[in-house]
Amino acid sequence: MGRAWVFGDNVNTDIITPGRYNLTTDPKEMAKYCFCEVRPDFPEQVKEGDFVVAGEHFGSGSSRESAALAIHASGIKAVIAPSFARIFYRNAINVGLLPIMAPTGSIKDGDEFSLDLENSLLHNKTQATEIVTQPLPAFMLNIQKAGGIVAYLNANGGRLPEMG
């Protein structure tokens, strides 16, 4: 179970990791600046297993994967949004972060959640409701479960997952 950190529509990569802090490739260092300008409490208060919940078109902007890396290194279990910028969506999968598409309008900041990937459900414990999520394709789940694309390739002799 984790807490919802709610953001609005069109959260771009500069909001996630402001450009002036992209001076390192160390994910833990990047996590110290994740959402620092819009939610200064986020880097210190986020807990392992929490969720980022946002509106439409999450992750727009640049193609740098530091945004997905910083969120993942913060301990976030998944980013839940109705839609994602394509490049962020792929970057998230590639670094081992779950991008989950679902309606988010009823979710309040601080709501407690659990995620059931097998049944494509998000259980909002605070509101005693369930939200149906769009299932991730099996090959993407395999990459995410491995810890990202590099870990997947290393564990599978450099072979990409089957997309069938």
N, C-alpha and C. Protein backbone atom coordinates (compact mmCIF):
# COMPACT_ATOMS: atom_id res chain seq x y z
N MET A 1 0.85 -1.18 0.00
CA MET A 1 0.00 0.00 0.00
C MET A 1 0.89 1.23 0.00
N GLY A 2 0.44 2.27 -0.70
CA GLY A 2 1.19 3.51 -0.77
C GLY A 2 0.27 4.71 -0.87
N ARG A 3 0.86 5.85 -0.70
CA ARG A 3 0.16 7.12 -0.70
C ARG A 3 0.12 7.70 -2.12
N ALA A 4 -0.95 8.41 -2.44
CA ALA A 4 -1.07 9.13 -3.71
C ALA A 4 -0.49 10.53 -3.58
N TRP A 5 0.41 10.87 -4.47
CA TRP A 5 0.93 12.22 -4.63
C TRP A 5 0.29 12.76 -5.89
N VAL A 6 -0.68 13.66 -5.77
CA VAL A 6 -1.50 14.08 -6.90
C VAL A 6 -0.94 15.35 -7.55
N PHE A 7 -0.86 15.28 -8.87
CA PHE A 7 -0.43 16.39 -9.72
C PHE A 7 -1.49 16.60 -10.79
N GLY A 8 -1.44 17.70 -11.51
CA GLY A 8 -2.44 18.01 -12.52
C GLY A 8 -2.10 17.49 -13.90
N ASP A 9 -2.69 18.12 -14.90
CA ASP A 9 -2.45 17.80 -16.31
C ASP A 9 -1.11 18.37 -16.76
N ASN A 10 -0.60 17.80 -17.85
CA ASN A 10 0.57 18.31 -18.56
C ASN A 10 1.80 18.50 -17.68
N VAL A 11 2.06 17.56 -16.81
CA VAL A 11 3.27 17.59 -16.00
C VAL A 11 4.43 17.22 -16.92
N ASN A 12 5.32 18.18 -17.18
CA ASN A 12 6.41 17.91 -18.12
C ASN A 12 7.69 17.53 -17.39
N THR A 13 8.68 17.12 -18.16
CA THR A 13 9.91 16.61 -17.55
C THR A 13 10.68 17.69 -16.80
N ASP A 14 10.49 18.97 -17.15
CA ASP A 14 11.14 20.05 -16.39
C ASP A 14 10.50 20.24 -15.03
N ILE A 15 9.24 19.88 -14.89
CA ILE A 15 8.58 19.92 -13.58
C ILE A 15 9.06 18.74 -12.74
N ILE A 16 9.25 17.60 -13.38
CA ILE A 16 9.69 16.39 -12.67
C ILE A 16 11.13 16.56 -12.19
N THR A 17 12.02 16.88 -13.10
CA THR A 17 13.44 17.12 -12.75
C THR A 17 13.89 18.39 -13.47
N PRO A 18 13.88 19.51 -12.76
CA PRO A 18 14.31 20.77 -13.39
C PRO A 18 15.70 20.64 -14.01
N GLY A 19 15.85 21.21 -15.21
CA GLY A 19 17.07 21.07 -15.99
C GLY A 19 18.35 21.42 -15.25
N ARG A 20 18.30 22.42 -14.39
CA ARG A 20 19.53 22.84 -13.71
C ARG A 20 20.06 21.79 -12.74
N TYR A 21 19.22 20.79 -12.41
CA TYR A 21 19.66 19.73 -11.50
C TYR A 21 20.11 18.47 -12.24
N ASN A 22 20.04 18.49 -13.56
CA ASN A 22 20.45 17.32 -14.35
C ASN A 22 21.96 17.34 -14.57
N LEU A 23 22.69 17.28 -13.48
CA LEU A 23 24.15 17.35 -13.52
C LEU A 23 24.80 16.03 -13.12
N THR A 24 23.99 15.02 -12.94
CA THR A 24 24.49 13.73 -12.48
C THR A 24 23.75 12.61 -13.20
N THR A 25 24.35 11.44 -13.22
CA THR A 25 23.66 10.26 -13.74
C THR A 25 23.28 9.31 -12.61
N ASP A 26 23.53 9.72 -11.37
CA ASP A 26 23.20 8.91 -10.20
C ASP A 26 21.71 9.07 -9.87
N PRO A 27 20.91 8.01 -10.07
CA PRO A 27 19.47 8.12 -9.82
C PRO A 27 19.12 8.60 -8.41
N LYS A 28 19.84 8.14 -7.39
CA LYS A 28 19.53 8.57 -6.01
C LYS A 28 19.76 10.07 -5.84
N GLU A 29 20.78 10.59 -6.50
CA GLU A 29 21.04 12.04 -6.46
C GLU A 29 19.92 12.78 -7.20
N MET A 30 19.49 12.25 -8.35
CA MET A 30 18.39 12.87 -9.11
C MET A 30 17.12 12.91 -8.28
N ALA A 31 16.88 11.85 -7.51
CA ALA A 31 15.66 11.77 -6.70
C ALA A 31 15.56 12.90 -5.69
N LYS A 32 16.68 13.46 -5.27
CA LYS A 32 16.67 14.57 -4.30
C LYS A 32 16.01 15.83 -4.85
N TYR A 33 15.88 15.91 -6.19
CA TYR A 33 15.32 17.11 -6.82
C TYR A 33 14.00 16.83 -7.53
N CYS A 34 13.49 15.62 -7.40
CA CYS A 34 12.25 15.22 -8.06
C CYS A 34 11.08 16.07 -7.55
N PHE A 35 10.42 16.76 -8.45
CA PHE A 35 9.27 17.63 -8.16
C PHE A 35 9.60 18.75 -7.16
N CYS A 36 10.87 19.08 -7.01
CA CYS A 36 11.30 20.02 -5.96
C CYS A 36 10.70 21.41 -6.09
N GLU A 37 10.35 21.84 -7.29
CA GLU A 37 9.81 23.19 -7.45
C GLU A 37 8.30 23.27 -7.23
N VAL A 38 7.58 22.19 -7.47
CA VAL A 38 6.13 22.22 -7.31
C VAL A 38 5.66 21.52 -6.04
N ARG A 39 6.45 20.60 -5.53
CA ARG A 39 6.15 19.90 -4.28
C ARG A 39 7.45 19.77 -3.49
N PRO A 40 7.92 20.86 -2.87
CA PRO A 40 9.21 20.83 -2.17
C PRO A 40 9.31 19.73 -1.11
N ASP A 41 8.16 19.28 -0.59
CA ASP A 41 8.16 18.23 0.43
C ASP A 41 8.32 16.83 -0.17
N PHE A 42 8.15 16.69 -1.47
CA PHE A 42 8.16 15.37 -2.10
C PHE A 42 9.47 14.60 -1.86
N PRO A 43 10.64 15.17 -2.19
CA PRO A 43 11.87 14.36 -2.04
C PRO A 43 12.11 13.82 -0.63
N GLU A 44 11.69 14.54 0.38
CA GLU A 44 11.95 14.08 1.76
C GLU A 44 10.82 13.25 2.34
N GLN A 45 9.61 13.42 1.83
CA GLN A 45 8.46 12.73 2.44
C GLN A 45 7.97 11.52 1.66
N VAL A 46 8.34 11.40 0.39
CA VAL A 46 7.90 10.25 -0.39
C VAL A 46 8.45 8.97 0.24
N LYS A 47 7.64 7.93 0.20
CA LYS A 47 8.03 6.65 0.78
C LYS A 47 8.03 5.57 -0.31
N GLU A 48 8.83 4.56 -0.09
CA GLU A 48 8.86 3.40 -0.98
C GLU A 48 7.45 2.84 -1.12
N GLY A 49 6.99 2.66 -2.36
CA GLY A 49 5.67 2.11 -2.61
C GLY A 49 4.58 3.15 -2.81
N ASP A 50 4.91 4.44 -2.71
CA ASP A 50 3.93 5.50 -2.98
C ASP A 50 3.65 5.57 -4.48
N PHE A 51 2.64 6.36 -4.85
CA PHE A 51 2.22 6.51 -6.23
C PHE A 51 2.20 7.98 -6.63
N VAL A 52 2.65 8.28 -7.84
CA VAL A 52 2.42 9.59 -8.44
C VAL A 52 1.13 9.44 -9.23
N VAL A 53 0.19 10.35 -9.00
CA VAL A 53 -1.10 10.34 -9.70
C VAL A 53 -1.23 11.68 -10.40
N ALA A 54 -1.54 11.65 -11.69
CA ALA A 54 -1.59 12.90 -12.45
C ALA A 54 -2.74 12.88 -13.44
N GLY A 55 -2.88 14.01 -14.10
CA GLY A 55 -3.90 14.15 -15.14
C GLY A 55 -3.35 13.75 -16.49
N GLU A 56 -3.95 14.33 -17.52
CA GLU A 56 -3.60 14.00 -18.91
C GLU A 56 -2.16 14.37 -19.27
N HIS A 57 -1.60 13.61 -20.17
CA HIS A 57 -0.34 13.88 -20.85
C HIS A 57 0.84 14.04 -19.89
N PHE A 58 1.01 13.08 -19.01
CA PHE A 58 2.11 13.11 -18.05
C PHE A 58 3.44 12.85 -18.76
N GLY A 59 4.47 13.62 -18.43
CA GLY A 59 5.82 13.38 -18.92
C GLY A 59 6.15 14.01 -20.25
N SER A 60 5.40 15.03 -20.65
CA SER A 60 5.71 15.71 -21.91
C SER A 60 7.01 16.49 -21.76
N GLY A 61 7.52 16.98 -22.85
CA GLY A 61 8.73 17.79 -22.81
C GLY A 61 9.89 17.06 -23.44
N SER A 62 11.03 17.13 -22.80
CA SER A 62 12.25 16.56 -23.38
C SER A 62 12.23 15.03 -23.31
N SER A 63 13.17 14.45 -24.04
CA SER A 63 13.23 12.98 -24.08
C SER A 63 14.19 12.41 -23.05
N ARG A 64 14.78 13.25 -22.21
CA ARG A 64 15.75 12.73 -21.23
C ARG A 64 15.07 11.76 -20.27
N GLU A 65 15.76 10.67 -20.00
CA GLU A 65 15.16 9.68 -19.11
C GLU A 65 15.39 10.00 -17.64
N SER A 66 16.06 11.10 -17.33
CA SER A 66 16.30 11.46 -15.93
C SER A 66 14.99 11.64 -15.17
N ALA A 67 13.93 12.08 -15.84
CA ALA A 67 12.65 12.26 -15.15
C ALA A 67 12.11 10.92 -14.64
N ALA A 68 12.09 9.91 -15.50
CA ALA A 68 11.62 8.59 -15.08
C ALA A 68 12.56 7.98 -14.05
N LEU A 69 13.86 8.16 -14.23
CA LEU A 69 14.84 7.64 -13.27
C LEU A 69 14.67 8.26 -11.89
N ALA A 70 14.46 9.57 -11.85
CA ALA A 70 14.30 10.26 -10.56
C ALA A 70 13.06 9.78 -9.83
N ILE A 71 11.95 9.63 -10.56
CA ILE A 71 10.71 9.15 -9.94
C ILE A 71 10.93 7.73 -9.40
N HIS A 72 11.52 6.88 -10.21
CA HIS A 72 11.77 5.49 -9.81
C HIS A 72 12.68 5.43 -8.59
N ALA A 73 13.76 6.21 -8.61
CA ALA A 73 14.71 6.22 -7.50
C ALA A 73 14.11 6.81 -6.23
N SER A 74 13.03 7.56 -6.36
CA SER A 74 12.33 8.11 -5.19
C SER A 74 11.57 7.03 -4.42
N GLY A 75 11.39 5.87 -5.06
CA GLY A 75 10.65 4.78 -4.41
C GLY A 75 9.23 4.65 -4.90
N ILE A 76 8.84 5.46 -5.87
CA ILE A 76 7.48 5.41 -6.41
C ILE A 76 7.23 4.06 -7.07
N LYS A 77 6.10 3.44 -6.73
CA LYS A 77 5.74 2.13 -7.29
C LYS A 77 5.24 2.27 -8.72
N ALA A 78 4.42 3.31 -8.97
CA ALA A 78 3.85 3.51 -10.30
C ALA A 78 3.43 4.96 -10.46
N VAL A 79 3.41 5.40 -11.72
CA VAL A 79 2.80 6.68 -12.07
C VAL A 79 1.47 6.34 -12.71
N ILE A 80 0.40 6.91 -12.18
CA ILE A 80 -0.94 6.63 -12.68
C ILE A 80 -1.48 7.90 -13.32
N ALA A 81 -1.88 7.80 -14.58
CA ALA A 81 -2.40 8.94 -15.31
C ALA A 81 -3.30 8.43 -16.44
N PRO A 82 -4.22 9.25 -16.92
CA PRO A 82 -5.06 8.82 -18.04
C PRO A 82 -4.28 8.69 -19.35
N SER A 83 -3.20 9.49 -19.50
CA SER A 83 -2.37 9.41 -20.70
C SER A 83 -0.96 9.89 -20.39
N PHE A 84 -0.03 9.42 -21.20
CA PHE A 84 1.39 9.74 -21.04
C PHE A 84 1.96 10.23 -22.36
N ALA A 85 2.99 11.07 -22.28
CA ALA A 85 3.79 11.36 -23.46
C ALA A 85 4.49 10.06 -23.83
N ARG A 86 4.52 9.74 -25.10
CA ARG A 86 5.07 8.44 -25.53
C ARG A 86 6.49 8.20 -25.08
N ILE A 87 7.33 9.20 -25.20
CA ILE A 87 8.74 9.00 -24.84
C ILE A 87 8.89 8.76 -23.34
N PHE A 88 8.09 9.45 -22.51
CA PHE A 88 8.16 9.21 -21.07
C PHE A 88 7.68 7.79 -20.76
N TYR A 89 6.60 7.37 -21.40
CA TYR A 89 6.05 6.03 -21.17
C TYR A 89 7.13 4.97 -21.43
N ARG A 90 7.82 5.07 -22.56
CA ARG A 90 8.87 4.09 -22.88
C ARG A 90 10.05 4.22 -21.94
N ASN A 91 10.44 5.46 -21.61
CA ASN A 91 11.54 5.64 -20.67
C ASN A 91 11.20 5.02 -19.32
N ALA A 92 9.96 5.18 -18.88
CA ALA A 92 9.54 4.60 -17.60
C ALA A 92 9.72 3.07 -17.62
N ILE A 93 9.19 2.43 -18.63
CA ILE A 93 9.34 0.98 -18.75
C ILE A 93 10.82 0.61 -18.79
N ASN A 94 11.60 1.35 -19.56
CA ASN A 94 13.01 1.02 -19.73
C ASN A 94 13.83 1.15 -18.45
N VAL A 95 13.39 1.99 -17.51
CA VAL A 95 14.13 2.12 -16.24
C VAL A 95 13.47 1.32 -15.11
N GLY A 96 12.36 0.63 -15.40
CA GLY A 96 11.72 -0.22 -14.39
C GLY A 96 10.60 0.45 -13.61
N LEU A 97 10.12 1.61 -14.08
CA LEU A 97 9.01 2.32 -13.44
C LEU A 97 7.71 1.94 -14.14
N LEU A 98 6.65 1.70 -13.38
CA LEU A 98 5.35 1.34 -13.96
C LEU A 98 4.56 2.58 -14.37
N PRO A 99 4.25 2.75 -15.66
CA PRO A 99 3.30 3.79 -16.08
C PRO A 99 1.93 3.14 -16.26
N ILE A 100 0.99 3.48 -15.42
CA ILE A 100 -0.33 2.84 -15.43
C ILE A 100 -1.37 3.84 -15.93
N MET A 101 -2.07 3.48 -17.00
CA MET A 101 -3.12 4.35 -17.53
C MET A 101 -4.45 4.01 -16.87
N ALA A 102 -5.06 5.04 -16.28
CA ALA A 102 -6.35 4.89 -15.60
C ALA A 102 -6.95 6.27 -15.39
N PRO A 103 -8.27 6.34 -15.23
CA PRO A 103 -8.87 7.63 -14.89
C PRO A 103 -8.46 8.02 -13.47
N THR A 104 -8.13 9.27 -13.27
CA THR A 104 -7.60 9.69 -11.97
C THR A 104 -8.39 10.82 -11.30
N GLY A 105 -9.47 11.26 -11.93
CA GLY A 105 -10.21 12.42 -11.44
C GLY A 105 -10.75 12.32 -10.03
N SER A 106 -11.03 11.11 -9.55
CA SER A 106 -11.60 10.96 -8.20
C SER A 106 -10.55 10.81 -7.11
N ILE A 107 -9.29 10.67 -7.49
CA ILE A 107 -8.22 10.41 -6.52
C ILE A 107 -7.79 11.70 -5.85
N LYS A 108 -7.68 11.65 -4.55
CA LYS A 108 -7.27 12.81 -3.74
C LYS A 108 -5.85 12.61 -3.23
N ASP A 109 -5.15 13.74 -3.06
CA ASP A 109 -3.80 13.70 -2.52
C ASP A 109 -3.84 13.02 -1.14
N GLY A 110 -2.96 12.06 -0.94
CA GLY A 110 -2.89 11.36 0.34
C GLY A 110 -3.71 10.09 0.41
N ASP A 111 -4.59 9.83 -0.58
CA ASP A 111 -5.34 8.57 -0.59
C ASP A 111 -4.36 7.40 -0.55
N GLU A 112 -4.76 6.33 0.09
CA GLU A 112 -3.93 5.13 0.20
C GLU A 112 -4.38 4.10 -0.84
N PHE A 113 -3.40 3.52 -1.54
CA PHE A 113 -3.67 2.61 -2.65
C PHE A 113 -2.91 1.32 -2.55
N SER A 114 -3.44 0.33 -3.26
CA SER A 114 -2.66 -0.85 -3.62
C SER A 114 -2.96 -1.11 -5.10
N LEU A 115 -2.01 -1.71 -5.77
CA LEU A 115 -2.12 -1.97 -7.20
C LEU A 115 -2.14 -3.47 -7.43
N ASP A 116 -3.12 -3.92 -8.18
CA ASP A 116 -3.26 -5.32 -8.55
C ASP A 116 -3.03 -5.41 -10.06
N LEU A 117 -1.77 -5.64 -10.46
CA LEU A 117 -1.43 -5.69 -11.88
C LEU A 117 -2.10 -6.87 -12.58
N GLU A 118 -2.19 -7.99 -11.88
CA GLU A 118 -2.76 -9.19 -12.47
C GLU A 118 -4.20 -8.99 -12.93
N ASN A 119 -4.98 -8.23 -12.14
CA ASN A 119 -6.39 -7.99 -12.48
C ASN A 119 -6.65 -6.58 -12.99
N SER A 120 -5.59 -5.81 -13.23
CA SER A 120 -5.69 -4.44 -13.75
C SER A 120 -6.61 -3.58 -12.89
N LEU A 121 -6.35 -3.60 -11.57
CA LEU A 121 -7.16 -2.83 -10.64
C LEU A 121 -6.29 -2.01 -9.70
N LEU A 122 -6.77 -0.84 -9.40
CA LEU A 122 -6.17 0.02 -8.41
C LEU A 122 -7.17 0.10 -7.27
N HIS A 123 -6.78 -0.32 -6.08
CA HIS A 123 -7.67 -0.32 -4.92
C HIS A 123 -7.40 0.94 -4.09
N ASN A 124 -8.38 1.83 -4.07
CA ASN A 124 -8.27 3.04 -3.26
C ASN A 124 -8.84 2.70 -1.89
N LYS A 125 -7.96 2.46 -0.93
CA LYS A 125 -8.38 2.06 0.41
C LYS A 125 -9.07 3.21 1.14
N THR A 126 -8.63 4.43 0.90
CA THR A 126 -9.20 5.60 1.56
C THR A 126 -10.67 5.79 1.19
N GLN A 127 -10.97 5.66 -0.10
CA GLN A 127 -12.33 5.89 -0.59
C GLN A 127 -13.13 4.59 -0.74
N ALA A 128 -12.50 3.46 -0.45
CA ALA A 128 -13.14 2.14 -0.60
C ALA A 128 -13.71 1.96 -2.01
N THR A 129 -12.86 2.28 -3.01
CA THR A 129 -13.26 2.13 -4.41
C THR A 129 -12.18 1.38 -5.17
N GLU A 130 -12.56 0.92 -6.36
CA GLU A 130 -11.62 0.28 -7.26
C GLU A 130 -11.65 1.03 -8.59
N ILE A 131 -10.49 1.15 -9.20
CA ILE A 131 -10.36 1.79 -10.50
C ILE A 131 -9.76 0.77 -11.45
N VAL A 132 -10.42 0.58 -12.59
CA VAL A 132 -9.90 -0.34 -13.60
C VAL A 132 -8.79 0.38 -14.36
N THR A 133 -7.66 -0.29 -14.50
CA THR A 133 -6.52 0.26 -15.22
C THR A 133 -6.36 -0.42 -16.56
N GLN A 134 -5.69 0.24 -17.46
CA GLN A 134 -5.36 -0.39 -18.74
C GLN A 134 -4.22 -1.35 -18.50
N PRO A 135 -4.37 -2.62 -18.87
CA PRO A 135 -3.29 -3.58 -18.62
C PRO A 135 -2.06 -3.26 -19.47
N LEU A 136 -0.90 -3.50 -18.89
CA LEU A 136 0.35 -3.37 -19.65
C LEU A 136 0.56 -4.65 -20.46
N PRO A 137 1.07 -4.51 -21.68
CA PRO A 137 1.39 -5.72 -22.45
C PRO A 137 2.40 -6.57 -21.69
N ALA A 138 2.30 -7.88 -21.85
CA ALA A 138 3.15 -8.82 -21.12
C ALA A 138 4.63 -8.54 -21.33
N PHE A 139 5.05 -8.19 -22.55
CA PHE A 139 6.47 -7.96 -22.78
C PHE A 139 6.95 -6.73 -22.00
N MET A 140 6.10 -5.72 -21.83
CA MET A 140 6.48 -4.53 -21.05
C MET A 140 6.56 -4.88 -19.56
N LEU A 141 5.63 -5.69 -19.09
CA LEU A 141 5.68 -6.13 -17.70
C LEU A 141 6.95 -6.93 -17.43
N ASN A 142 7.34 -7.76 -18.38
CA ASN A 142 8.58 -8.54 -18.21
C ASN A 142 9.79 -7.63 -18.10
N ILE A 143 9.84 -6.57 -18.90
CA ILE A 143 10.95 -5.61 -18.81
C ILE A 143 10.91 -4.92 -17.46
N GLN A 144 9.74 -4.47 -17.05
CA GLN A 144 9.61 -3.76 -15.77
C GLN A 144 9.96 -4.66 -14.60
N LYS A 145 9.48 -5.90 -14.62
CA LYS A 145 9.76 -6.84 -13.53
C LYS A 145 11.26 -7.14 -13.42
N ALA A 146 11.95 -7.12 -14.54
CA ALA A 146 13.39 -7.38 -14.53
C ALA A 146 14.18 -6.20 -13.96
N GLY A 147 13.52 -5.05 -13.85
CA GLY A 147 14.21 -3.86 -13.35
C GLY A 147 14.58 -2.88 -14.45
N GLY A 148 14.05 -3.09 -15.64
CA GLY A 148 14.33 -2.20 -16.76
C GLY A 148 14.93 -2.97 -17.93
N ILE A 149 15.11 -2.27 -19.04
CA ILE A 149 15.55 -2.92 -20.27
C ILE A 149 16.97 -3.47 -20.17
N VAL A 150 17.88 -2.74 -19.53
CA VAL A 150 19.26 -3.22 -19.42
C VAL A 150 19.30 -4.49 -18.58
N ALA A 151 18.61 -4.48 -17.45
CA ALA A 151 18.57 -5.68 -16.60
C ALA A 151 17.92 -6.84 -17.34
N TYR A 152 16.87 -6.56 -18.11
CA TYR A 152 16.21 -7.62 -18.88
C TYR A 152 17.18 -8.22 -19.89
N LEU A 153 17.86 -7.36 -20.65
CA LEU A 153 18.79 -7.85 -21.66
C LEU A 153 19.93 -8.65 -21.02
N ASN A 154 20.45 -8.16 -19.91
CA ASN A 154 21.52 -8.88 -19.22
C ASN A 154 21.07 -10.26 -18.75
N ALA A 155 19.84 -10.36 -18.28
CA ALA A 155 19.32 -11.62 -17.76
C ALA A 155 18.90 -12.59 -18.87
N ASN A 156 18.74 -12.07 -20.09
CA ASN A 156 18.23 -12.90 -21.18
C ASN A 156 19.18 -12.97 -22.37
N GLY A 157 20.46 -12.90 -22.09
CA GLY A 157 21.46 -13.05 -23.13
C GLY A 157 21.36 -12.04 -24.26
N GLY A 158 20.88 -10.85 -23.95
CA GLY A 158 20.77 -9.79 -24.96
C GLY A 158 19.54 -9.92 -25.84
N ARG A 159 18.67 -10.88 -25.56
CA ARG A 159 17.47 -11.07 -26.38
C ARG A 159 16.35 -10.17 -25.90
N LEU A 160 15.66 -9.55 -26.82
CA LEU A 160 14.50 -8.73 -26.50
C LEU A 160 13.31 -9.63 -26.17
N PRO A 161 12.36 -9.12 -25.40
CA PRO A 161 11.19 -9.94 -25.06
C PRO A 161 10.30 -10.17 -26.28
N GLU A 162 9.60 -11.28 -26.25
CA GLU A 162 8.61 -11.57 -27.30
C GLU A 162 7.45 -10.61 -27.15
N MET A 163 6.98 -10.08 -28.26
CA MET A 163 5.86 -9.12 -28.21
C MET A 163 4.55 -9.74 -28.62
N GLY A 164 4.48 -11.03 -28.74
CA GLY A 164 3.28 -11.73 -29.21
C GLY A 164 2.15 -11.76 -28.29
